[in-house]
C-alpha atoms as a PDB file:
ATOM      1  CA  MET A   1      22.995  39.640  24.374  1.00  0.00           C
ATOM      2  CA  ILE A   2      22.387  41.257  20.997  1.00  0.00           C
ATOM      3  CA  VAL A   3      22.126  39.115  17.884  1.00  0.00           C
ATOM      4  CA  GLY A   4      22.444  40.569  14.397  1.00  0.00           C
ATOM      5  CA  GLU A   5      23.326  39.247  10.997  1.00  0.00           C
ATOM      6  CA  SER A   6      26.803  37.792  10.646  1.00  0.00           C
ATOM      7  CA  SER A   7      28.816  35.779   8.170  1.00  0.00           C
ATOM      8  CA  THR A   8      30.788  34.240  11.073  1.00  0.00           C
ATOM      9  CA  TYR A   9      27.792  32.686  12.856  1.00  0.00           C
ATOM     10  CA  ASN A  10      28.653  29.170  14.027  1.00  0.00           C
ATOM     11  CA  TYR A  11      27.915  26.473  16.604  1.00  0.00           C
ATOM     12  CA  GLN A  12      30.304  27.968  19.167  1.00  0.00           C
ATOM     13  CA  THR A  13      28.551  31.338  18.821  1.00  0.00           C
ATOM     14  CA  VAL A  14      25.157  29.718  19.428  1.00  0.00           C
ATOM     15  CA  ASN A  15      26.499  27.850  22.486  1.00  0.00           C
ATOM     16  CA  LYS A  16      27.931  31.042  23.983  1.00  0.00           C
ATOM     17  CA  ALA A  17      24.679  32.924  23.347  1.00  0.00           C
ATOM     18  CA  VAL A  18      22.636  30.127  24.954  1.00  0.00           C
ATOM     19  CA  SER A  19      24.917  30.189  28.004  1.00  0.00           C
ATOM     20  CA  LEU A  20      24.628  33.978  28.332  1.00  0.00           C
ATOM     21  CA  VAL A  21      20.839  33.967  28.021  1.00  0.00           C
ATOM     22  CA  LEU A  22      20.473  31.097  30.507  1.00  0.00           C
ATOM     23  CA  GLY A  23      22.736  33.122  32.816  1.00  0.00           C
ATOM     24  CA  GLY A  24      20.296  36.038  32.755  1.00  0.00           C
ATOM     25  CA  ALA A  25      21.233  38.065  29.673  1.00  0.00           C
ATOM     26  CA  LYS A  26      18.304  39.532  27.743  1.00  0.00           C
ATOM     27  CA  LEU A  27      17.979  38.243  24.172  1.00  0.00           C
ATOM     28  CA  ILE A  28      17.741  41.131  21.734  1.00  0.00           C
ATOM     29  CA  GLY A  29      17.590  40.910  17.940  1.00  0.00           C
ATOM     30  CA  THR A  30      18.556  43.731  15.603  1.00  0.00           C
ATOM     31  CA  ASN A  31      15.682  42.958  13.205  1.00  0.00           C
ATOM     32  CA  SER A  32      13.107  40.265  12.554  1.00  0.00           C
ATOM     33  CA  ASP A  33      13.936  39.510   8.915  1.00  0.00           C
ATOM     34  CA  LEU A  34      13.980  35.746   8.293  1.00  0.00           C
ATOM     35  CA  THR A  35      15.932  36.054   5.060  1.00  0.00           C
ATOM     36  CA  GLY A  36      17.797  38.630   3.061  1.00  0.00           C
ATOM     37  CA  PRO A  37      18.888  38.983  -0.538  1.00  0.00           C
ATOM     38  CA  THR A  38      22.475  38.331  -1.576  1.00  0.00           C
ATOM     39  CA  THR A  39      24.190  38.320  -4.942  1.00  0.00           C
ATOM     40  CA  THR A  40      23.777  34.529  -5.017  1.00  0.00           C
ATOM     41  CA  GLY A  41      20.149  34.361  -3.803  1.00  0.00           C
ATOM     42  CA  ILE A  42      18.465  34.307  -0.408  1.00  0.00           C
ATOM     43  CA  ALA A  43      20.414  33.897   2.856  1.00  0.00           C
ATOM     44  CA  PRO A  44      19.294  33.466   6.483  1.00  0.00           C
ATOM     45  CA  ALA A  45      18.878  36.773   8.317  1.00  0.00           C
ATOM     46  CA  CYS A  46      18.628  37.760  11.989  1.00  0.00           C
ATOM     47  CA  ARG A  47      15.318  36.040  12.824  1.00  0.00           C
ATOM     48  CA  ALA A  48      16.587  32.728  11.424  1.00  0.00           C
ATOM     49  CA  LEU A  49      19.913  33.079  13.245  1.00  0.00           C
ATOM     50  CA  ILE A  50      18.313  33.892  16.612  1.00  0.00           C
ATOM     51  CA  SER A  51      15.807  31.034  16.422  1.00  0.00           C
ATOM     52  CA  PRO A  52      18.169  28.285  17.714  1.00  0.00           C
ATOM     53  CA  ILE A  53      18.968  30.435  20.754  1.00  0.00           C
ATOM     54  CA  GLU A  54      15.254  30.960  21.453  1.00  0.00           C
ATOM     55  CA  MET A  55      14.556  27.256  21.064  1.00  0.00           C
ATOM     56  CA  ALA A  56      17.440  26.146  23.290  1.00  0.00           C
ATOM     57  CA  THR A  57      16.676  28.643  26.071  1.00  0.00           C
ATOM     58  CA  GLY A  58      12.900  28.883  25.889  1.00  0.00           C
ATOM     59  CA  LYS A  59      13.322  32.689  25.856  1.00  0.00           C
ATOM     60  CA  LYS A  60      11.820  34.891  23.149  1.00  0.00           C
ATOM     61  CA  ALA A  61      13.907  37.667  21.646  1.00  0.00           C
ATOM     62  CA  TYR A  62      12.851  41.305  21.649  1.00  0.00           C
ATOM     63  CA  PHE A  63      13.515  42.828  18.234  1.00  0.00           C
ATOM     64  CA  ILE A  64      14.549  46.467  18.332  1.00  0.00           C
ATOM     65  CA  GLY A  65      14.659  47.031  14.577  1.00  0.00           C
ATOM     66  CA  LYS A  66      11.896  47.225  12.012  1.00  0.00           C
ATOM     67  CA  PRO A  67       9.006  46.659  12.294  1.00  0.00           C
ATOM     68  CA  ASN A  68       9.301  47.810  15.922  1.00  0.00           C
ATOM     69  CA  PRO A  69       7.160  50.999  16.116  1.00  0.00           C
ATOM     70  CA  LEU A  70       9.317  52.303  18.979  1.00  0.00           C
ATOM     71  CA  MET A  71      12.313  52.470  16.639  1.00  0.00           C
ATOM     72  CA  MET A  72      10.275  54.278  14.008  1.00  0.00           C
ATOM     73  CA  ARG A  73       8.811  56.817  16.459  1.00  0.00           C
ATOM     74  CA  THR A  74      12.239  57.441  17.987  1.00  0.00           C
ATOM     75  CA  GLY A  75      13.662  58.133  14.522  1.00  0.00           C
ATOM     76  CA  LEU A  76      10.869  60.593  13.752  1.00  0.00           C
ATOM     77  CA  ARG A  77      11.436  62.360  17.076  1.00  0.00           C
ATOM     78  CA  MET A  78      15.200  62.573  16.467  1.00  0.00           C
ATOM     79  CA  LEU A  79      14.552  64.088  13.039  1.00  0.00           C
ATOM     80  CA  ASP A  80      11.931  66.386  14.585  1.00  0.00           C
ATOM     81  CA  ILE A  81       9.346  65.503  11.945  1.00  0.00           C
ATOM     82  CA  HIS A  82       5.802  64.195  12.007  1.00  0.00           C
ATOM     83  CA  SER A  83       4.855  60.880  10.402  1.00  0.00           C
ATOM     84  CA  ASP A  84       2.880  62.849   7.769  1.00  0.00           C
ATOM     85  CA  GLU A  85       6.212  64.232   6.531  1.00  0.00           C
ATOM     86  CA  ALA A  86       8.051  60.938   6.152  1.00  0.00           C
ATOM     87  CA  ALA A  87       7.970  57.744   4.134  1.00  0.00           C
ATOM     88  CA  MET A  88       9.176  54.217   4.698  1.00  0.00           C
ATOM     89  CA  ILE A  89      10.942  52.867   1.627  1.00  0.00           C
ATOM     90  CA  GLY A  90      11.816  49.202   1.761  1.00  0.00           C
ATOM     91  CA  ASP A  91      12.052  45.904  -0.056  1.00  0.00           C
ATOM     92  CA  ARG A  92      10.090  43.718   2.395  1.00  0.00           C
ATOM     93  CA  MET A  93       6.358  43.632   2.998  1.00  0.00           C
ATOM     94  CA  ASP A  94       6.723  41.760   6.311  1.00  0.00           C
ATOM     95  CA  THR A  95       9.016  44.283   7.997  1.00  0.00           C
ATOM     96  CA  ASP A  96       9.544  47.505   6.045  1.00  0.00           C
ATOM     97  CA  ILE A  97       6.029  48.117   4.759  1.00  0.00           C
ATOM     98  CA  VAL A  98       4.200  46.943   7.881  1.00  0.00           C
ATOM     99  CA  ALA A  99       6.533  49.145   9.981  1.00  0.00           C
ATOM    100  CA  GLY A 100       5.610  52.161   7.877  1.00  0.00           C
ATOM    101  CA  ILE A 101       1.901  51.442   8.011  1.00  0.00           C
ATOM    102  CA  GLU A 102       1.879  50.834  11.773  1.00  0.00           C
ATOM    103  CA  THR A 103       3.771  54.078  12.346  1.00  0.00           C
ATOM    104  CA  GLY A 104       1.544  56.144  10.061  1.00  0.00           C
ATOM    105  CA  LEU A 105       4.188  56.713   7.384  1.00  0.00           C
ATOM    106  CA  ASP A 106       3.691  56.780   3.642  1.00  0.00           C
ATOM    107  CA  THR A 107       4.956  53.459   2.248  1.00  0.00           C
ATOM    108  CA  VAL A 108       6.957  52.595  -0.858  1.00  0.00           C
ATOM    109  CA  LEU A 109       7.894  49.029  -1.765  1.00  0.00           C
ATOM    110  CA  VAL A 110      10.914  48.600  -4.038  1.00  0.00           C
ATOM    111  CA  LEU A 111      11.164  45.319  -5.916  1.00  0.00           C
ATOM    112  CA  THR A 112      14.947  44.943  -5.597  1.00  0.00           C
ATOM    113  CA  GLY A 113      14.905  42.721  -2.520  1.00  0.00           C
ATOM    114  CA  VAL A 114      12.950  39.820  -1.095  1.00  0.00           C
ATOM    115  CA  THR A 115       9.357  40.772  -1.954  1.00  0.00           C
ATOM    116  CA  SER A 116       8.203  40.341  -5.557  1.00  0.00           C
ATOM    117  CA  ARG A 117       5.145  41.937  -7.151  1.00  0.00           C
ATOM    118  CA  GLU A 118       3.346  38.575  -6.899  1.00  0.00           C
ATOM    119  CA  ASP A 119       4.125  38.335  -3.158  1.00  0.00           C
ATOM    120  CA  ILE A 120       2.176  41.518  -2.385  1.00  0.00           C
ATOM    121  CA  ASP A 121      -1.126  39.636  -2.582  1.00  0.00           C
ATOM    122  CA  LEU A 122       0.003  37.358   0.270  1.00  0.00           C
ATOM    123  CA  PHE A 123      -0.365  40.246   2.730  1.00  0.00           C
ATOM    124  CA  PRO A 124      -3.556  41.904   4.056  1.00  0.00           C
ATOM    125  CA  TYR A 125      -2.037  45.403   3.678  1.00  0.00           C
ATOM    126  CA  ARG A 126      -0.603  47.308   0.719  1.00  0.00           C
ATOM    127  CA  PRO A 127       2.143  49.866   0.157  1.00  0.00           C
ATOM    128  CA  ARG A 128       1.000  53.150  -1.368  1.00  0.00           C
ATOM    129  CA  LEU A 129       3.574  52.855  -4.164  1.00  0.00           C
ATOM    130  CA  VAL A 130       5.442  49.941  -5.749  1.00  0.00           C
ATOM    131  CA  LEU A 131       8.626  50.807  -7.641  1.00  0.00           C
ATOM    132  CA  GLY A 132      11.224  48.772  -9.490  1.00  0.00           C
ATOM    133  CA  GLY A 133      14.002  50.182  -7.292  1.00  0.00           C
ATOM    134  CA  VAL A 134      15.152  53.244  -5.397  1.00  0.00           C
ATOM    135  CA  GLY A 135      16.401  54.706  -8.677  1.00  0.00           C
ATOM    136  CA  ASP A 136      12.749  55.136  -9.646  1.00  0.00           C
ATOM    137  CA  ILE A 137      12.175  57.636  -6.836  1.00  0.00           C
ATOM    138  CA  VAL A 138      11.925  61.126  -8.258  1.00  0.00           C
ATOM    139  CA  SER A 139      12.748  64.164  -6.169  1.00  0.00           C
ATOM    140  CA  GLU A 140      10.199  66.966  -6.329  1.00  0.00           C
ATOM    141  CA  ARG A 141      11.585  70.496  -6.030  1.00  0.00           C
END
C-alpha cells in the first residue's frame, strides 16, 4: 500500500488503506514531508496524510523518498556519479538538506518553499549555500 500526496484524499481512502494494511499490506510513503507549499499557503503533505493510517493500524510507514539515503545512493549509482560530484538542492531543511548531508552531497537550500531563512537556526545542521530560488543558481562553464 503506497501513500503519496493527493488532492482526492478522503475518509473512504483512509478506511480502505487501513483495511489493506490490517490485511497484511506493507505501508509505504512516498516522502516524509509533513507540509508543502501551495499558491494559497501551506497544505498537508504525505507524512500528515499517512499518519491516520499509522494510528489506526499501529503500523509505521517506511518512507522511500527523501531523506531516505537508499534513494539518494540509488540515484547516484544510476547516474554513475560519486557524491562528491553532486548536490542536493531543495526547499526543506528537514528532508532535502538532511538527505544531502547524510548522503555526502553538497547542499543548497532555496528559500522558495517551506523553510525560511529564520527557520535554519532551528536545525543542528546547515546547508552549504542558501539562495533565494533556483534562478539564483549560476552554471559554471
